[in-house]
Amino acid sequence: MRQELDSGGGDKASENGQFLTFTLQNEEYGIEILRVQEIKGFSKITPIPNAPSFVRGVMNLRGTVVPIIDLRARFAMTEKEYDQFTCIIVVNVGNRVVGLVVDTVSDVLNIPNDSIADPPELATSGDSSCITGMGKLGERIVMLLDTGRLVGVEALIEAETTAA
């Protein structure tokens, strides 16, 4: 099956199994749709000095200061210039709102629980521990992510404190 998470920010397949999928470097990833607040086109981000490298800065979202995390940088992927397809997925992690920069947003997929496999053991150590399962849809594999682990509460607190 798949890892069950007990953290407030953990993503486990909801009863309806709906995941928002997106791409990073031509690979497909998914997060539980219930965590998604909105999807925005890429817009101005205010950099934060001394923030972790994957925290690109903050943006003002209707009066709320939202930390922005570049998932390419978070996963140590090659950098890519932001373009018209680059999106910010605004998600709720516990009682925080965070923006995730992705290459493109793909679709909302229904992935039944019995089509979600545990991630390979090698993929659950270190920074890859945010992969909670592998959604199998025919020949497609969608890596399912835990937004709580992905974001890292320590980095968020540091970014919010620095921005304040």
N, C-alpha and C. Protein backbone atom coordinates (compact mmCIF):
# COMPACT_ATOMS: atom_id res chain seq x y z
N MET A 1 0.83 -1.19 0.00
CA MET A 1 0.00 0.00 0.00
C MET A 1 0.87 1.24 0.00
N ARG A 2 0.61 2.18 0.89
CA ARG A 2 1.27 3.47 0.88
C ARG A 2 1.49 3.89 2.32
N GLN A 3 2.49 4.73 2.53
CA GLN A 3 2.77 5.21 3.88
C GLN A 3 1.57 6.01 4.40
N GLU A 4 1.17 5.73 5.61
CA GLU A 4 0.13 6.53 6.25
C GLU A 4 0.83 7.59 7.08
N LEU A 5 0.37 8.80 6.99
CA LEU A 5 1.02 9.90 7.69
C LEU A 5 0.10 10.42 8.77
N ASP A 6 0.70 10.76 9.91
CA ASP A 6 -0.11 11.27 11.00
C ASP A 6 0.10 12.75 11.25
N SER A 7 0.95 13.40 10.46
CA SER A 7 1.17 14.84 10.66
C SER A 7 0.01 15.62 10.09
N GLY A 8 -0.21 16.81 10.63
CA GLY A 8 -1.30 17.66 10.16
C GLY A 8 -1.13 18.05 8.71
N GLY A 9 0.11 18.09 8.22
CA GLY A 9 0.35 18.49 6.84
C GLY A 9 0.46 17.31 5.91
N GLY A 10 0.30 16.09 6.42
CA GLY A 10 0.51 14.91 5.60
C GLY A 10 -0.59 14.72 4.58
N ASP A 11 -0.20 14.25 3.42
CA ASP A 11 -1.18 13.96 2.38
C ASP A 11 -1.32 12.46 2.28
N LYS A 12 -2.47 11.96 2.62
CA LYS A 12 -2.76 10.58 2.30
C LYS A 12 -3.94 10.63 1.36
N ALA A 13 -4.08 9.63 0.56
CA ALA A 13 -5.14 9.67 -0.44
C ALA A 13 -6.47 9.90 0.26
N SER A 14 -7.19 10.89 -0.20
CA SER A 14 -8.50 11.14 0.37
C SER A 14 -9.45 10.05 -0.11
N GLU A 15 -10.62 9.98 0.50
CA GLU A 15 -11.56 8.92 0.13
C GLU A 15 -11.83 8.93 -1.37
N ASN A 16 -11.90 10.15 -1.95
CA ASN A 16 -12.18 10.22 -3.38
C ASN A 16 -10.93 10.07 -4.22
N GLY A 17 -9.72 10.05 -3.61
CA GLY A 17 -8.48 9.81 -4.34
C GLY A 17 -8.17 10.85 -5.40
N GLN A 18 -8.51 12.11 -5.17
CA GLN A 18 -8.25 13.13 -6.18
C GLN A 18 -6.94 13.86 -5.89
N PHE A 19 -6.11 13.97 -6.93
CA PHE A 19 -4.82 14.62 -6.82
C PHE A 19 -4.65 15.63 -7.95
N LEU A 20 -4.11 16.80 -7.60
CA LEU A 20 -3.72 17.78 -8.61
C LEU A 20 -2.34 17.35 -9.09
N THR A 21 -2.19 17.18 -10.40
CA THR A 21 -0.90 16.76 -10.93
C THR A 21 -0.21 17.92 -11.62
N PHE A 22 1.11 17.88 -11.57
CA PHE A 22 1.94 18.92 -12.18
C PHE A 22 3.25 18.29 -12.63
N THR A 23 3.99 19.03 -13.45
CA THR A 23 5.26 18.50 -13.93
C THR A 23 6.43 19.32 -13.40
N LEU A 24 7.52 18.61 -13.22
CA LEU A 24 8.82 19.17 -12.90
C LEU A 24 9.81 18.38 -13.74
N GLN A 25 10.52 19.05 -14.61
CA GLN A 25 11.54 18.41 -15.44
C GLN A 25 10.98 17.15 -16.12
N ASN A 26 9.80 17.29 -16.71
CA ASN A 26 9.13 16.23 -17.48
C ASN A 26 8.70 15.02 -16.66
N GLU A 27 8.73 15.12 -15.34
CA GLU A 27 8.21 14.06 -14.48
C GLU A 27 6.90 14.54 -13.88
N GLU A 28 5.99 13.59 -13.62
CA GLU A 28 4.66 13.95 -13.12
C GLU A 28 4.57 13.70 -11.61
N TYR A 29 4.05 14.70 -10.91
CA TYR A 29 3.89 14.65 -9.46
C TYR A 29 2.44 14.97 -9.13
N GLY A 30 2.02 14.60 -7.92
CA GLY A 30 0.66 14.91 -7.50
C GLY A 30 0.60 15.27 -6.03
N ILE A 31 -0.35 16.16 -5.70
CA ILE A 31 -0.65 16.48 -4.31
C ILE A 31 -2.15 16.37 -4.12
N GLU A 32 -2.54 16.02 -2.91
CA GLU A 32 -3.96 15.84 -2.62
C GLU A 32 -4.71 17.14 -2.93
N ILE A 33 -5.77 17.02 -3.70
CA ILE A 33 -6.53 18.19 -4.16
C ILE A 33 -7.10 18.99 -2.98
N LEU A 34 -7.40 18.32 -1.88
CA LEU A 34 -7.98 19.02 -0.73
C LEU A 34 -7.00 20.01 -0.09
N ARG A 35 -5.72 19.89 -0.38
CA ARG A 35 -4.70 20.82 0.14
C ARG A 35 -4.59 22.08 -0.71
N VAL A 36 -5.11 22.04 -1.95
CA VAL A 36 -4.92 23.13 -2.90
C VAL A 36 -5.95 24.24 -2.64
N GLN A 37 -5.44 25.46 -2.47
CA GLN A 37 -6.31 26.62 -2.29
C GLN A 37 -6.59 27.27 -3.64
N GLU A 38 -5.55 27.46 -4.45
CA GLU A 38 -5.73 28.03 -5.78
C GLU A 38 -4.47 27.81 -6.61
N ILE A 39 -4.61 28.08 -7.91
CA ILE A 39 -3.49 27.99 -8.85
C ILE A 39 -3.36 29.35 -9.51
N LYS A 40 -2.14 29.89 -9.50
CA LYS A 40 -1.90 31.22 -10.07
C LYS A 40 -0.81 31.12 -11.13
N GLY A 41 -0.89 32.01 -12.10
CA GLY A 41 0.23 32.17 -13.00
C GLY A 41 1.39 32.76 -12.22
N PHE A 42 2.60 32.57 -12.72
CA PHE A 42 3.77 33.09 -12.01
C PHE A 42 3.69 34.60 -11.95
N SER A 43 3.96 35.17 -10.77
CA SER A 43 3.93 36.62 -10.60
C SER A 43 5.10 37.04 -9.73
N LYS A 44 5.20 38.33 -9.49
CA LYS A 44 6.34 38.89 -8.78
C LYS A 44 6.50 38.29 -7.39
N ILE A 45 7.75 37.93 -7.10
CA ILE A 45 8.12 37.39 -5.80
C ILE A 45 9.16 38.33 -5.20
N THR A 46 9.00 38.66 -3.94
CA THR A 46 9.98 39.49 -3.24
C THR A 46 10.99 38.57 -2.57
N PRO A 47 12.27 38.66 -2.97
CA PRO A 47 13.29 37.78 -2.39
C PRO A 47 13.48 38.03 -0.89
N ILE A 48 13.91 37.00 -0.17
CA ILE A 48 14.19 37.11 1.26
C ILE A 48 15.67 36.81 1.46
N PRO A 49 16.42 37.75 2.02
CA PRO A 49 17.84 37.48 2.28
C PRO A 49 18.02 36.33 3.28
N ASN A 50 19.04 35.52 3.06
CA ASN A 50 19.42 34.43 3.97
C ASN A 50 18.38 33.32 4.11
N ALA A 51 17.41 33.25 3.22
CA ALA A 51 16.43 32.16 3.26
C ALA A 51 17.06 30.92 2.62
N PRO A 52 16.55 29.73 2.92
CA PRO A 52 17.06 28.53 2.24
C PRO A 52 16.95 28.71 0.72
N SER A 53 17.84 28.07 -0.02
CA SER A 53 17.90 28.30 -1.47
C SER A 53 16.60 27.97 -2.20
N PHE A 54 15.81 27.03 -1.69
CA PHE A 54 14.58 26.68 -2.38
C PHE A 54 13.42 27.63 -2.05
N VAL A 55 13.59 28.48 -1.03
CA VAL A 55 12.57 29.49 -0.72
C VAL A 55 12.91 30.71 -1.57
N ARG A 56 12.13 30.92 -2.62
CA ARG A 56 12.42 31.99 -3.58
C ARG A 56 12.07 33.37 -3.04
N GLY A 57 11.20 33.41 -2.04
CA GLY A 57 10.79 34.69 -1.48
C GLY A 57 9.36 34.61 -0.99
N VAL A 58 8.69 35.76 -1.00
CA VAL A 58 7.30 35.82 -0.57
C VAL A 58 6.50 36.62 -1.58
N MET A 59 5.20 36.41 -1.57
CA MET A 59 4.30 37.22 -2.39
C MET A 59 3.12 37.65 -1.54
N ASN A 60 2.49 38.72 -1.97
CA ASN A 60 1.31 39.23 -1.28
C ASN A 60 0.09 38.65 -1.98
N LEU A 61 -0.63 37.81 -1.28
CA LEU A 61 -1.83 37.19 -1.83
C LEU A 61 -3.03 37.73 -1.06
N ARG A 62 -3.65 38.76 -1.62
CA ARG A 62 -4.80 39.40 -1.00
C ARG A 62 -4.56 39.74 0.47
N GLY A 63 -3.40 40.35 0.74
CA GLY A 63 -3.08 40.80 2.08
C GLY A 63 -2.35 39.79 2.95
N THR A 64 -2.17 38.58 2.48
CA THR A 64 -1.45 37.55 3.23
C THR A 64 -0.06 37.38 2.62
N VAL A 65 0.98 37.41 3.46
CA VAL A 65 2.34 37.16 3.00
C VAL A 65 2.53 35.65 2.88
N VAL A 66 2.79 35.19 1.65
CA VAL A 66 2.88 33.76 1.37
C VAL A 66 4.30 33.40 0.96
N PRO A 67 4.98 32.49 1.71
CA PRO A 67 6.29 32.04 1.29
C PRO A 67 6.17 31.22 -0.01
N ILE A 68 7.14 31.39 -0.90
CA ILE A 68 7.12 30.71 -2.20
C ILE A 68 8.31 29.75 -2.27
N ILE A 69 8.02 28.48 -2.53
CA ILE A 69 9.04 27.45 -2.63
C ILE A 69 9.11 26.96 -4.07
N ASP A 70 10.31 26.98 -4.64
CA ASP A 70 10.53 26.46 -5.99
C ASP A 70 10.82 24.97 -5.86
N LEU A 71 9.91 24.14 -6.37
CA LEU A 71 10.08 22.70 -6.20
C LEU A 71 11.27 22.15 -6.99
N ARG A 72 11.65 22.79 -8.10
CA ARG A 72 12.86 22.36 -8.80
C ARG A 72 14.06 22.50 -7.87
N ALA A 73 14.17 23.65 -7.21
CA ALA A 73 15.28 23.87 -6.28
C ALA A 73 15.17 22.94 -5.08
N ARG A 74 13.96 22.70 -4.61
CA ARG A 74 13.74 21.82 -3.45
C ARG A 74 14.23 20.41 -3.73
N PHE A 75 14.07 19.96 -4.99
CA PHE A 75 14.50 18.62 -5.38
C PHE A 75 15.86 18.61 -6.05
N ALA A 76 16.60 19.70 -5.97
CA ALA A 76 17.95 19.82 -6.55
C ALA A 76 17.96 19.49 -8.04
N MET A 77 16.95 19.94 -8.75
CA MET A 77 16.88 19.77 -10.21
C MET A 77 17.56 20.97 -10.88
N THR A 78 17.84 20.83 -12.16
CA THR A 78 18.43 21.95 -12.89
C THR A 78 17.45 23.11 -12.92
N GLU A 79 17.99 24.32 -12.86
CA GLU A 79 17.13 25.50 -12.90
C GLU A 79 16.54 25.66 -14.29
N LYS A 80 15.38 26.27 -14.34
CA LYS A 80 14.72 26.56 -15.60
C LYS A 80 14.16 27.97 -15.49
N GLU A 81 14.31 28.74 -16.55
CA GLU A 81 13.75 30.09 -16.54
C GLU A 81 12.23 29.99 -16.47
N TYR A 82 11.63 30.83 -15.63
CA TYR A 82 10.17 30.84 -15.52
C TYR A 82 9.59 31.34 -16.83
N ASP A 83 8.50 30.69 -17.29
CA ASP A 83 7.88 31.09 -18.55
C ASP A 83 6.37 31.18 -18.38
N GLN A 84 5.65 31.29 -19.49
CA GLN A 84 4.20 31.46 -19.43
C GLN A 84 3.48 30.23 -18.89
N PHE A 85 4.16 29.08 -18.83
CA PHE A 85 3.54 27.87 -18.31
C PHE A 85 3.82 27.67 -16.82
N THR A 86 4.79 28.40 -16.28
CA THR A 86 5.14 28.28 -14.86
C THR A 86 3.96 28.72 -14.00
N CYS A 87 3.65 27.91 -12.99
CA CYS A 87 2.51 28.21 -12.11
C CYS A 87 2.94 28.17 -10.66
N ILE A 88 2.15 28.83 -9.85
CA ILE A 88 2.29 28.75 -8.40
C ILE A 88 1.03 28.06 -7.87
N ILE A 89 1.23 26.91 -7.24
CA ILE A 89 0.12 26.20 -6.60
C ILE A 89 0.10 26.65 -5.15
N VAL A 90 -0.98 27.30 -4.74
CA VAL A 90 -1.11 27.78 -3.37
C VAL A 90 -1.78 26.66 -2.57
N VAL A 91 -1.07 26.19 -1.53
CA VAL A 91 -1.56 25.06 -0.75
C VAL A 91 -1.67 25.43 0.72
N ASN A 92 -2.52 24.70 1.42
CA ASN A 92 -2.65 24.83 2.87
C ASN A 92 -1.85 23.71 3.52
N VAL A 93 -0.93 24.10 4.39
CA VAL A 93 -0.11 23.14 5.13
C VAL A 93 -0.31 23.44 6.60
N GLY A 94 -1.09 22.60 7.26
CA GLY A 94 -1.43 22.90 8.65
C GLY A 94 -2.21 24.20 8.68
N ASN A 95 -1.72 25.17 9.45
CA ASN A 95 -2.40 26.47 9.50
C ASN A 95 -1.66 27.52 8.67
N ARG A 96 -0.81 27.09 7.75
CA ARG A 96 -0.04 28.00 6.91
C ARG A 96 -0.48 27.89 5.45
N VAL A 97 -0.23 28.97 4.72
CA VAL A 97 -0.46 28.99 3.28
C VAL A 97 0.90 29.14 2.63
N VAL A 98 1.18 28.30 1.62
CA VAL A 98 2.48 28.29 0.96
C VAL A 98 2.26 28.19 -0.55
N GLY A 99 3.12 28.84 -1.32
CA GLY A 99 3.07 28.73 -2.77
C GLY A 99 4.17 27.81 -3.26
N LEU A 100 3.83 26.91 -4.18
CA LEU A 100 4.79 25.98 -4.77
C LEU A 100 4.95 26.29 -6.25
N VAL A 101 6.18 26.61 -6.67
CA VAL A 101 6.44 26.91 -8.08
C VAL A 101 6.68 25.60 -8.81
N VAL A 102 5.91 25.37 -9.89
CA VAL A 102 6.03 24.16 -10.71
C VAL A 102 6.14 24.55 -12.18
N ASP A 103 6.64 23.62 -12.99
CA ASP A 103 6.78 23.90 -14.43
C ASP A 103 5.43 24.11 -15.10
N THR A 104 4.52 23.17 -14.90
CA THR A 104 3.17 23.27 -15.45
C THR A 104 2.21 22.51 -14.54
N VAL A 105 0.96 22.94 -14.52
CA VAL A 105 -0.09 22.18 -13.85
C VAL A 105 -0.74 21.33 -14.92
N SER A 106 -0.95 20.05 -14.60
CA SER A 106 -1.45 19.12 -15.61
C SER A 106 -2.95 18.90 -15.53
N ASP A 107 -3.40 18.29 -14.43
CA ASP A 107 -4.77 17.79 -14.40
C ASP A 107 -5.15 17.45 -12.97
N VAL A 108 -6.42 17.16 -12.76
CA VAL A 108 -6.88 16.56 -11.52
C VAL A 108 -7.20 15.11 -11.86
N LEU A 109 -6.55 14.19 -11.16
CA LEU A 109 -6.72 12.77 -11.45
C LEU A 109 -7.36 12.06 -10.27
N ASN A 110 -8.22 11.11 -10.58
CA ASN A 110 -8.74 10.19 -9.57
C ASN A 110 -7.81 8.99 -9.56
N ILE A 111 -7.16 8.75 -8.43
CA ILE A 111 -6.27 7.60 -8.32
C ILE A 111 -6.82 6.73 -7.18
N PRO A 112 -7.38 5.58 -7.52
CA PRO A 112 -7.93 4.70 -6.48
C PRO A 112 -6.83 4.25 -5.52
N ASN A 113 -7.19 4.05 -4.25
CA ASN A 113 -6.21 3.62 -3.25
C ASN A 113 -5.47 2.36 -3.65
N ASP A 114 -6.16 1.43 -4.32
CA ASP A 114 -5.48 0.19 -4.71
C ASP A 114 -4.53 0.38 -5.89
N SER A 115 -4.48 1.57 -6.45
CA SER A 115 -3.52 1.88 -7.52
C SER A 115 -2.34 2.71 -7.00
N ILE A 116 -2.24 2.83 -5.68
CA ILE A 116 -1.14 3.59 -5.08
C ILE A 116 -0.21 2.62 -4.37
N ALA A 117 1.03 2.58 -4.84
CA ALA A 117 2.04 1.70 -4.27
C ALA A 117 2.97 2.48 -3.36
N ASP A 118 3.61 1.77 -2.43
CA ASP A 118 4.64 2.40 -1.61
C ASP A 118 5.76 2.88 -2.52
N PRO A 119 6.41 3.99 -2.14
CA PRO A 119 7.57 4.42 -2.92
C PRO A 119 8.72 3.45 -2.68
N PRO A 120 9.64 3.33 -3.63
CA PRO A 120 10.80 2.47 -3.38
C PRO A 120 11.53 2.95 -2.12
N GLU A 121 12.10 2.03 -1.37
CA GLU A 121 12.74 2.38 -0.11
C GLU A 121 13.83 3.43 -0.29
N LEU A 122 14.57 3.37 -1.37
CA LEU A 122 15.62 4.35 -1.63
C LEU A 122 15.06 5.74 -1.81
N ALA A 123 13.80 5.83 -2.23
CA ALA A 123 13.18 7.14 -2.49
C ALA A 123 12.57 7.75 -1.24
N THR A 124 12.69 7.09 -0.10
CA THR A 124 12.07 7.63 1.11
C THR A 124 13.09 8.07 2.15
N SER A 125 14.34 8.23 1.73
CA SER A 125 15.36 8.70 2.67
C SER A 125 15.74 10.12 2.32
N GLY A 126 16.23 10.85 3.31
CA GLY A 126 16.69 12.21 3.06
C GLY A 126 15.60 13.11 2.52
N ASP A 127 15.95 13.94 1.54
CA ASP A 127 15.01 14.90 0.98
C ASP A 127 13.89 14.26 0.19
N SER A 128 14.02 12.98 -0.14
CA SER A 128 12.97 12.31 -0.91
C SER A 128 11.88 11.75 -0.02
N SER A 129 11.98 11.95 1.29
CA SER A 129 10.99 11.37 2.20
C SER A 129 9.61 11.98 2.01
N CYS A 130 9.50 13.04 1.21
CA CYS A 130 8.20 13.66 0.98
C CYS A 130 7.38 12.89 -0.06
N ILE A 131 7.97 11.86 -0.68
CA ILE A 131 7.22 11.02 -1.62
C ILE A 131 6.48 9.97 -0.79
N THR A 132 5.16 10.02 -0.84
CA THR A 132 4.36 9.12 0.01
C THR A 132 3.81 7.92 -0.75
N GLY A 133 3.82 7.97 -2.06
CA GLY A 133 3.30 6.86 -2.83
C GLY A 133 3.52 7.08 -4.31
N MET A 134 3.30 6.01 -5.06
CA MET A 134 3.41 6.05 -6.51
C MET A 134 2.06 5.67 -7.09
N GLY A 135 1.39 6.66 -7.69
CA GLY A 135 0.10 6.40 -8.32
C GLY A 135 0.31 5.76 -9.68
N LYS A 136 -0.34 4.62 -9.90
CA LYS A 136 -0.18 3.90 -11.16
C LYS A 136 -1.46 4.04 -11.98
N LEU A 137 -1.33 4.65 -13.15
CA LEU A 137 -2.46 4.82 -14.07
C LEU A 137 -2.02 4.29 -15.42
N GLY A 138 -2.33 3.04 -15.69
CA GLY A 138 -1.85 2.43 -16.93
C GLY A 138 -0.34 2.39 -16.90
N GLU A 139 0.29 2.97 -17.92
CA GLU A 139 1.75 3.03 -17.99
C GLU A 139 2.32 4.24 -17.25
N ARG A 140 1.45 5.14 -16.80
CA ARG A 140 1.91 6.36 -16.12
C ARG A 140 2.19 6.09 -14.65
N ILE A 141 3.21 6.78 -14.16
CA ILE A 141 3.52 6.79 -12.73
C ILE A 141 3.46 8.24 -12.27
N VAL A 142 2.69 8.51 -11.23
CA VAL A 142 2.60 9.84 -10.65
C VAL A 142 3.16 9.75 -9.23
N MET A 143 4.22 10.52 -8.96
CA MET A 143 4.80 10.53 -7.62
C MET A 143 3.94 11.42 -6.72
N LEU A 144 3.39 10.84 -5.67
CA LEU A 144 2.50 11.56 -4.77
C LEU A 144 3.30 12.13 -3.61
N LEU A 145 3.09 13.42 -3.36
CA LEU A 145 3.91 14.14 -2.39
C LEU A 145 3.14 14.53 -1.14
N ASP A 146 3.84 14.58 -0.03
CA ASP A 146 3.32 15.04 1.25
C ASP A 146 3.70 16.51 1.37
N THR A 147 2.72 17.40 1.32
CA THR A 147 3.02 18.84 1.34
C THR A 147 3.68 19.26 2.64
N GLY A 148 3.33 18.63 3.76
CA GLY A 148 3.95 18.98 5.04
C GLY A 148 5.44 18.72 5.04
N ARG A 149 5.84 17.56 4.57
CA ARG A 149 7.27 17.24 4.51
C ARG A 149 7.96 18.01 3.40
N LEU A 150 7.27 18.22 2.32
CA LEU A 150 7.82 18.92 1.16
C LEU A 150 8.23 20.34 1.51
N VAL A 151 7.37 21.00 2.24
CA VAL A 151 7.58 22.40 2.57
C VAL A 151 8.61 22.55 3.68
N GLY A 152 8.57 21.71 4.69
CA GLY A 152 9.51 21.83 5.80
C GLY A 152 9.14 23.00 6.68
N VAL A 153 8.56 22.73 7.80
CA VAL A 153 8.06 23.78 8.69
C VAL A 153 9.17 24.72 9.14
N GLU A 154 10.38 24.19 9.37
CA GLU A 154 11.48 25.05 9.83
C GLU A 154 11.79 26.12 8.80
N ALA A 155 11.84 25.75 7.53
CA ALA A 155 12.14 26.71 6.46
C ALA A 155 11.04 27.76 6.37
N LEU A 156 9.79 27.35 6.58
CA LEU A 156 8.68 28.30 6.54
C LEU A 156 8.77 29.32 7.66
N ILE A 157 9.03 28.83 8.86
CA ILE A 157 9.12 29.74 10.00
C ILE A 157 10.26 30.72 9.78
N GLU A 158 11.40 30.22 9.28
CA GLU A 158 12.54 31.08 9.01
C GLU A 158 12.19 32.13 7.96
N ALA A 159 11.51 31.72 6.89
CA ALA A 159 11.14 32.65 5.81
C ALA A 159 10.15 33.70 6.32
N GLU A 160 9.16 33.27 7.10
CA GLU A 160 8.17 34.21 7.60
C GLU A 160 8.79 35.19 8.59
N THR A 161 9.70 34.71 9.44
CA THR A 161 10.36 35.57 10.42
C THR A 161 11.24 36.60 9.72
N THR A 162 11.98 36.16 8.70
CA THR A 162 12.85 37.06 7.95
C THR A 162 12.04 38.10 7.21
N ALA A 163 10.87 37.70 6.68
CA ALA A 163 10.04 38.62 5.89
C ALA A 163 9.32 39.64 6.76
N ALA A 164 9.11 39.31 8.02
CA ALA A 164 8.32 40.18 8.91
C ALA A 164 9.03 41.47 9.28
